């Protein structure tokens, strides 16, 4: 037995299928969009924390007397009576960098969140000068949630990339922010000064 559809039945069937499709498809699209926005926000805070971390480490290194050194090597006495000890600059020594990394994320409380008007991405900028004076904070979101999120992210970066941080700051002196945050760790998908090389 062959069933025939009238024009009205066909329109109702198409409308019902369209509603079912919308009910199933729309939530998937919304979840995907929300996921993309959250992922970018997460990436912005990771990138911002990495860049702030690099700024703080560079500043801490610059505060050490360049003439100050530390002995590195073996303190065992060789058969000829000498030791294999060398003097290295303290500022970029592993000992100093490890000491600085232990407390560096506390500095994240001196940062605020700002939206870049061109890219509409979150950036993290200092709101307190290094001597403790307030800086121009117009257009900057300064609240506990922002600073605690930035501090937590900084701590995770230090924990996960401690070896890379020490290696970079022991040897590198130029474009560390881009080399470390954009190229080595991929925490930033956009470089400030140099392009991201294809691997």
C-alpha atoms as a PDB file:
ATOM      1  CA  UNK A   1       0.000   0.000   0.000  1.00  0.00           C
ATOM      2  CA  UNK A   2       1.455   3.294  -1.084  1.00  0.00           C
ATOM      3  CA  UNK A   3       0.955   6.294   1.174  1.00  0.00           C
ATOM      4  CA  UNK A   4       0.705   9.686  -0.449  1.00  0.00           C
ATOM      5  CA  UNK A   5       1.536  12.974   1.238  1.00  0.00           C
ATOM      6  CA  UNK A   6      -0.402  16.117   0.766  1.00  0.00           C
ATOM      7  CA  UNK A   7       1.423  19.454   0.499  1.00  0.00           C
ATOM      8  CA  UNK A   8       0.413  20.279   4.072  1.00  0.00           C
ATOM      9  CA  UNK A   9       1.752  16.960   5.417  1.00  0.00           C
ATOM     10  CA  UNK A  10       5.009  17.458   3.574  1.00  0.00           C
ATOM     11  CA  UNK A  11       5.444  21.005   4.944  1.00  0.00           C
ATOM     12  CA  UNK A  12       4.705  19.789   8.487  1.00  0.00           C
ATOM     13  CA  UNK A  13       7.213  16.942   8.126  1.00  0.00           C
ATOM     14  CA  UNK A  14       9.917  19.290   6.826  1.00  0.00           C
ATOM     15  CA  UNK A  15       9.186  21.765   9.638  1.00  0.00           C
ATOM     16  CA  UNK A  16       9.391  18.978  12.236  1.00  0.00           C
ATOM     17  CA  UNK A  17      12.678  17.675  10.807  1.00  0.00           C
ATOM     18  CA  UNK A  18      14.020  21.240  10.768  1.00  0.00           C
ATOM     19  CA  UNK A  19      13.073  21.728  14.445  1.00  0.00           C
ATOM     20  CA  UNK A  20      14.665  18.420  15.436  1.00  0.00           C
ATOM     21  CA  UNK A  21      17.833  19.290  13.514  1.00  0.00           C
ATOM     22  CA  UNK A  22      17.929  22.757  15.141  1.00  0.00           C
ATOM     23  CA  UNK A  23      17.476  21.272  18.606  1.00  0.00           C
ATOM     24  CA  UNK A  24      20.367  18.877  18.038  1.00  0.00           C
ATOM     25  CA  UNK A  25      22.694  21.087  15.998  1.00  0.00           C
ATOM     26  CA  UNK A  26      22.333  24.412  17.832  1.00  0.00           C
ATOM     27  CA  UNK A  27      23.663  23.148  21.193  1.00  0.00           C
ATOM     28  CA  UNK A  28      26.671  21.610  19.436  1.00  0.00           C
ATOM     29  CA  UNK A  29      27.457  24.912  17.722  1.00  0.00           C
ATOM     30  CA  UNK A  30      27.029  26.853  20.982  1.00  0.00           C
ATOM     31  CA  UNK A  31      29.258  24.468  22.937  1.00  0.00           C
ATOM     32  CA  UNK A  32      31.913  24.731  20.211  1.00  0.00           C
ATOM     33  CA  UNK A  33      31.801  28.527  20.270  1.00  0.00           C
ATOM     34  CA  UNK A  34      31.988  28.677  24.070  1.00  0.00           C
ATOM     35  CA  UNK A  35      34.874  26.207  23.972  1.00  0.00           C
ATOM     36  CA  UNK A  36      36.777  28.380  21.481  1.00  0.00           C
ATOM     37  CA  UNK A  37      36.260  31.520  23.578  1.00  0.00           C
ATOM     38  CA  UNK A  38      37.340  29.740  26.781  1.00  0.00           C
ATOM     39  CA  UNK A  39      40.368  28.227  25.044  1.00  0.00           C
ATOM     40  CA  UNK A  40      41.483  31.648  23.811  1.00  0.00           C
ATOM     41  CA  UNK A  41      40.943  33.161  27.258  1.00  0.00           C
ATOM     42  CA  UNK A  42      43.000  30.331  28.739  1.00  0.00           C
ATOM     43  CA  UNK A  43      45.704  30.849  26.164  1.00  0.00           C
ATOM     44  CA  UNK A  44      45.716  34.600  26.799  1.00  0.00           C
ATOM     45  CA  UNK A  45      46.329  34.084  30.526  1.00  0.00           C
ATOM     46  CA  UNK A  46      49.056  31.472  29.879  1.00  0.00           C
ATOM     47  CA  UNK A  47      50.741  33.746  27.360  1.00  0.00           C
ATOM     48  CA  UNK A  48      50.385  36.767  29.650  1.00  0.00           C
ATOM     49  CA  UNK A  49      51.752  34.871  32.643  1.00  0.00           C
ATOM     50  CA  UNK A  50      54.735  33.653  30.622  1.00  0.00           C
ATOM     51  CA  UNK A  51      55.532  37.142  29.361  1.00  0.00           C
ATOM     52  CA  UNK A  52      55.143  38.686  32.824  1.00  0.00           C
ATOM     53  CA  UNK A  53      57.330  35.923  34.266  1.00  0.00           C
ATOM     54  CA  UNK A  54      60.056  36.680  31.708  1.00  0.00           C
ATOM     55  CA  UNK A  55      59.837  40.424  32.463  1.00  0.00           C
ATOM     56  CA  UNK A  56      60.184  39.780  36.186  1.00  0.00           C
ATOM     57  CA  UNK A  57      63.097  37.362  35.743  1.00  0.00           C
ATOM     58  CA  UNK A  58      64.925  39.794  33.457  1.00  0.00           C
ATOM     59  CA  UNK A  59      64.444  42.566  36.011  1.00  0.00           C
ATOM     60  CA  UNK A  60      65.688  40.380  38.898  1.00  0.00           C
ATOM     61  CA  UNK A  61      68.777  39.423  36.873  1.00  0.00           C
ATOM     62  CA  UNK A  62      69.468  43.075  36.071  1.00  0.00           C
ATOM     63  CA  UNK A  63      69.475  43.946  39.790  1.00  0.00           C
ATOM     64  CA  UNK A  64      72.475  41.726  40.561  1.00  0.00           C
ATOM     65  CA  UNK A  65      75.943  43.259  40.483  1.00  0.00           C
ATOM     66  CA  UNK A  66      77.490  41.965  37.225  1.00  0.00           C
ATOM     67  CA  UNK A  67      80.835  41.529  39.010  1.00  0.00           C
ATOM     68  CA  UNK A  68      79.337  39.100  41.523  1.00  0.00           C
ATOM     69  CA  UNK A  69      80.336  35.497  40.774  1.00  0.00           C
ATOM     70  CA  UNK A  70      79.716  32.042  42.142  1.00  0.00           C
ATOM     71  CA  UNK A  71      81.898  28.954  41.973  1.00  0.00           C
ATOM     72  CA  UNK A  72      80.655  26.119  39.815  1.00  0.00           C
ATOM     73  CA  UNK A  73      82.082  22.673  39.274  1.00  0.00           C
ATOM     74  CA  UNK A  74      83.535  19.900  41.345  1.00  0.00           C
ATOM     75  CA  UNK A  75      85.042  20.631  44.712  1.00  0.00           C
ATOM     76  CA  UNK A  76      86.971  17.356  44.625  1.00  0.00           C
ATOM     77  CA  UNK A  77      90.730  17.604  44.547  1.00  0.00           C
ATOM     78  CA  UNK A  78      92.323  16.186  41.400  1.00  0.00           C
ATOM     79  CA  UNK A  79      95.382  13.878  41.662  1.00  0.00           C
ATOM     80  CA  UNK A  80      97.601  16.850  40.798  1.00  0.00           C
ATOM     81  CA  UNK A  81      96.203  18.819  43.758  1.00  0.00           C
ATOM     82  CA  UNK A  82      93.978  21.194  41.746  1.00  0.00           C
ATOM     83  CA  UNK A  83      90.219  21.597  41.702  1.00  0.00           C
ATOM     84  CA  UNK A  84      87.913  21.767  38.665  1.00  0.00           C
ATOM     85  CA  UNK A  85      86.086  24.862  39.845  1.00  0.00           C
ATOM     86  CA  UNK A  86      85.194  27.825  37.662  1.00  0.00           C
ATOM     87  CA  UNK A  87      83.678  31.182  38.528  1.00  0.00           C
ATOM     88  CA  UNK A  88      80.474  32.141  36.692  1.00  0.00           C
ATOM     89  CA  UNK A  89      78.380  35.321  36.895  1.00  0.00           C
ATOM     90  CA  UNK A  90      75.963  34.946  39.797  1.00  0.00           C
ATOM     91  CA  UNK A  91      73.045  36.746  38.098  1.00  0.00           C
ATOM     92  CA  UNK A  92      72.527  33.994  35.510  1.00  0.00           C
ATOM     93  CA  UNK A  93      73.729  31.081  37.619  1.00  0.00           C
ATOM     94  CA  UNK A  94      71.466  28.108  38.212  1.00  0.00           C
ATOM     95  CA  UNK A  95      71.583  28.754  41.969  1.00  0.00           C
ATOM     96  CA  UNK A  96      70.381  32.352  41.597  1.00  0.00           C
ATOM     97  CA  UNK A  97      67.720  31.492  39.006  1.00  0.00           C
ATOM     98  CA  UNK A  98      66.297  28.702  41.183  1.00  0.00           C
ATOM     99  CA  UNK A  99      66.192  31.066  44.150  1.00  0.00           C
ATOM    100  CA  UNK A 100      64.374  33.719  42.095  1.00  0.00           C
ATOM    101  CA  UNK A 101      61.921  31.199  40.594  1.00  0.00           C
ATOM    102  CA  UNK A 102      60.796  30.161  44.097  1.00  0.00           C
ATOM    103  CA  UNK A 103      59.198  33.563  44.746  1.00  0.00           C
ATOM    104  CA  UNK A 104      58.790  35.196  41.317  1.00  0.00           C
ATOM    105  CA  UNK A 105      55.078  34.413  40.915  1.00  0.00           C
ATOM    106  CA  UNK A 106      54.290  36.586  43.953  1.00  0.00           C
ATOM    107  CA  UNK A 107      54.982  39.534  41.624  1.00  0.00           C
ATOM    108  CA  UNK A 108      51.855  38.658  39.609  1.00  0.00           C
ATOM    109  CA  UNK A 109      49.793  40.510  42.236  1.00  0.00           C
ATOM    110  CA  UNK A 110      51.320  43.698  40.798  1.00  0.00           C
ATOM    111  CA  UNK A 111      49.679  43.108  37.406  1.00  0.00           C
ATOM    112  CA  UNK A 112      46.292  43.896  35.937  1.00  0.00           C
ATOM    113  CA  UNK A 113      44.369  42.743  32.896  1.00  0.00           C
ATOM    114  CA  UNK A 114      43.914  44.952  29.857  1.00  0.00           C
ATOM    115  CA  UNK A 115      42.163  44.260  26.560  1.00  0.00           C
ATOM    116  CA  UNK A 116      44.270  45.093  23.505  1.00  0.00           C
ATOM    117  CA  UNK A 117      42.044  47.380  21.391  1.00  0.00           C
ATOM    118  CA  UNK A 118      43.497  46.064  18.127  1.00  0.00           C
ATOM    119  CA  UNK A 119      43.427  42.302  18.711  1.00  0.00           C
ATOM    120  CA  UNK A 120      40.810  42.231  21.499  1.00  0.00           C
ATOM    121  CA  UNK A 121      43.073  39.822  23.367  1.00  0.00           C
ATOM    122  CA  UNK A 122      43.838  40.008  27.068  1.00  0.00           C
ATOM    123  CA  UNK A 123      47.210  41.402  28.076  1.00  0.00           C
ATOM    124  CA  UNK A 124      48.701  41.611  31.532  1.00  0.00           C
ATOM    125  CA  UNK A 125      50.487  44.801  32.514  1.00  0.00           C
ATOM    126  CA  UNK A 126      52.151  46.102  35.657  1.00  0.00           C
ATOM    127  CA  UNK A 127      49.975  48.362  37.782  1.00  0.00           C
ATOM    128  CA  UNK A 128      52.635  48.991  40.435  1.00  0.00           C
ATOM    129  CA  UNK A 129      56.073  50.302  39.588  1.00  0.00           C
ATOM    130  CA  UNK A 130      59.003  48.357  40.950  1.00  0.00           C
ATOM    131  CA  UNK A 131      59.474  51.025  43.633  1.00  0.00           C
ATOM    132  CA  UNK A 132      55.874  50.499  44.800  1.00  0.00           C
ATOM    133  CA  UNK A 133      54.285  53.576  43.253  1.00  0.00           C
ATOM    134  CA  UNK A 134      50.952  53.230  41.495  1.00  0.00           C
ATOM    135  CA  UNK A 135      50.995  53.567  37.735  1.00  0.00           C
ATOM    136  CA  UNK A 136      48.287  54.731  35.321  1.00  0.00           C
ATOM    137  CA  UNK A 137      45.665  52.009  35.575  1.00  0.00           C
ATOM    138  CA  UNK A 138      43.062  53.429  33.214  1.00  0.00           C
ATOM    139  CA  UNK A 139      41.390  50.669  31.240  1.00  0.00           C
ATOM    140  CA  UNK A 140      43.009  47.976  33.373  1.00  0.00           C
ATOM    141  CA  UNK A 141      41.028  45.404  35.339  1.00  0.00           C
ATOM    142  CA  UNK A 142      42.607  45.032  38.761  1.00  0.00           C
ATOM    143  CA  UNK A 143      40.872  42.519  40.967  1.00  0.00           C
ATOM    144  CA  UNK A 144      41.663  39.509  43.088  1.00  0.00           C
ATOM    145  CA  UNK A 145      40.396  36.983  40.565  1.00  0.00           C
ATOM    146  CA  UNK A 146      42.645  38.341  37.801  1.00  0.00           C
ATOM    147  CA  UNK A 147      45.774  38.400  39.975  1.00  0.00           C
ATOM    148  CA  UNK A 148      45.136  35.018  41.598  1.00  0.00           C
ATOM    149  CA  UNK A 149      44.515  33.421  38.191  1.00  0.00           C
ATOM    150  CA  UNK A 150      47.698  34.996  36.815  1.00  0.00           C
ATOM    151  CA  UNK A 151      49.698  33.896  39.884  1.00  0.00           C
ATOM    152  CA  UNK A 152      48.340  30.336  39.708  1.00  0.00           C
ATOM    153  CA  UNK A 153      49.151  30.145  35.991  1.00  0.00           C
ATOM    154  CA  UNK A 154      52.647  31.519  36.628  1.00  0.00           C
ATOM    155  CA  UNK A 155      53.234  28.836  39.283  1.00  0.00           C
ATOM    156  CA  UNK A 156      52.118  26.114  36.866  1.00  0.00           C
ATOM    157  CA  UNK A 157      54.463  27.455  34.176  1.00  0.00           C
ATOM    158  CA  UNK A 158      57.401  27.542  36.610  1.00  0.00           C
ATOM    159  CA  UNK A 159      56.625  23.999  37.736  1.00  0.00           C
ATOM    160  CA  UNK A 160      56.244  22.623  34.213  1.00  0.00           C
ATOM    161  CA  UNK A 161      59.041  24.565  32.490  1.00  0.00           C
ATOM    162  CA  UNK A 162      61.589  25.105  35.271  1.00  0.00           C
ATOM    163  CA  UNK A 163      64.415  23.451  33.313  1.00  0.00           C
ATOM    164  CA  UNK A 164      63.669  25.491  30.175  1.00  0.00           C
ATOM    165  CA  UNK A 165      63.508  28.714  32.191  1.00  0.00           C
ATOM    166  CA  UNK A 166      66.881  28.046  33.819  1.00  0.00           C
ATOM    167  CA  UNK A 167      68.429  27.000  30.506  1.00  0.00           C
ATOM    168  CA  UNK A 168      67.140  30.073  28.680  1.00  0.00           C
ATOM    169  CA  UNK A 169      68.092  32.593  31.335  1.00  0.00           C
ATOM    170  CA  UNK A 170      71.518  31.013  31.803  1.00  0.00           C
ATOM    171  CA  UNK A 171      72.399  31.531  28.142  1.00  0.00           C
ATOM    172  CA  UNK A 172      69.912  33.675  26.195  1.00  0.00           C
ATOM    173  CA  UNK A 173      69.863  37.443  26.419  1.00  0.00           C
ATOM    174  CA  UNK A 174      67.860  38.617  23.392  1.00  0.00           C
ATOM    175  CA  UNK A 175      64.172  38.091  22.617  1.00  0.00           C
ATOM    176  CA  UNK A 176      63.810  35.659  25.509  1.00  0.00           C
ATOM    177  CA  UNK A 177      60.120  36.462  25.793  1.00  0.00           C
ATOM    178  CA  UNK A 178      59.392  35.380  22.221  1.00  0.00           C
ATOM    179  CA  UNK A 179      61.851  32.509  22.111  1.00  0.00           C
ATOM    180  CA  UNK A 180      60.560  31.006  25.335  1.00  0.00           C
ATOM    181  CA  UNK A 181      56.854  31.885  25.337  1.00  0.00           C
ATOM    182  CA  UNK A 182      56.103  31.582  21.612  1.00  0.00           C
ATOM    183  CA  UNK A 183      58.640  29.153  20.209  1.00  0.00           C
ATOM    184  CA  UNK A 184      59.840  26.807  22.955  1.00  0.00           C
ATOM    185  CA  UNK A 185      56.709  26.362  25.060  1.00  0.00           C
ATOM    186  CA  UNK A 186      53.950  27.413  22.609  1.00  0.00           C
ATOM    187  CA  UNK A 187      52.198  29.265  25.440  1.00  0.00           C
ATOM    188  CA  UNK A 188      51.746  32.222  23.088  1.00  0.00           C
ATOM    189  CA  UNK A 189      50.436  31.771  19.584  1.00  0.00           C
ATOM    190  CA  UNK A 190      51.700  35.198  18.562  1.00  0.00           C
ATOM    191  CA  UNK A 191      55.188  36.607  18.960  1.00  0.00           C
ATOM    192  CA  UNK A 192      55.903  40.154  20.015  1.00  0.00           C
ATOM    193  CA  UNK A 193      59.146  40.605  18.061  1.00  0.00           C
ATOM    194  CA  UNK A 194      59.911  37.539  15.944  1.00  0.00           C
ATOM    195  CA  UNK A 195      57.930  35.176  13.752  1.00  0.00           C
ATOM    196  CA  UNK A 196      57.148  31.623  14.846  1.00  0.00           C
ATOM    197  CA  UNK A 197      59.303  29.190  12.841  1.00  0.00           C
ATOM    198  CA  UNK A 198      57.790  26.111  11.301  1.00  0.00           C
ATOM    199  CA  UNK A 199      59.095  22.972  12.963  1.00  0.00           C
END
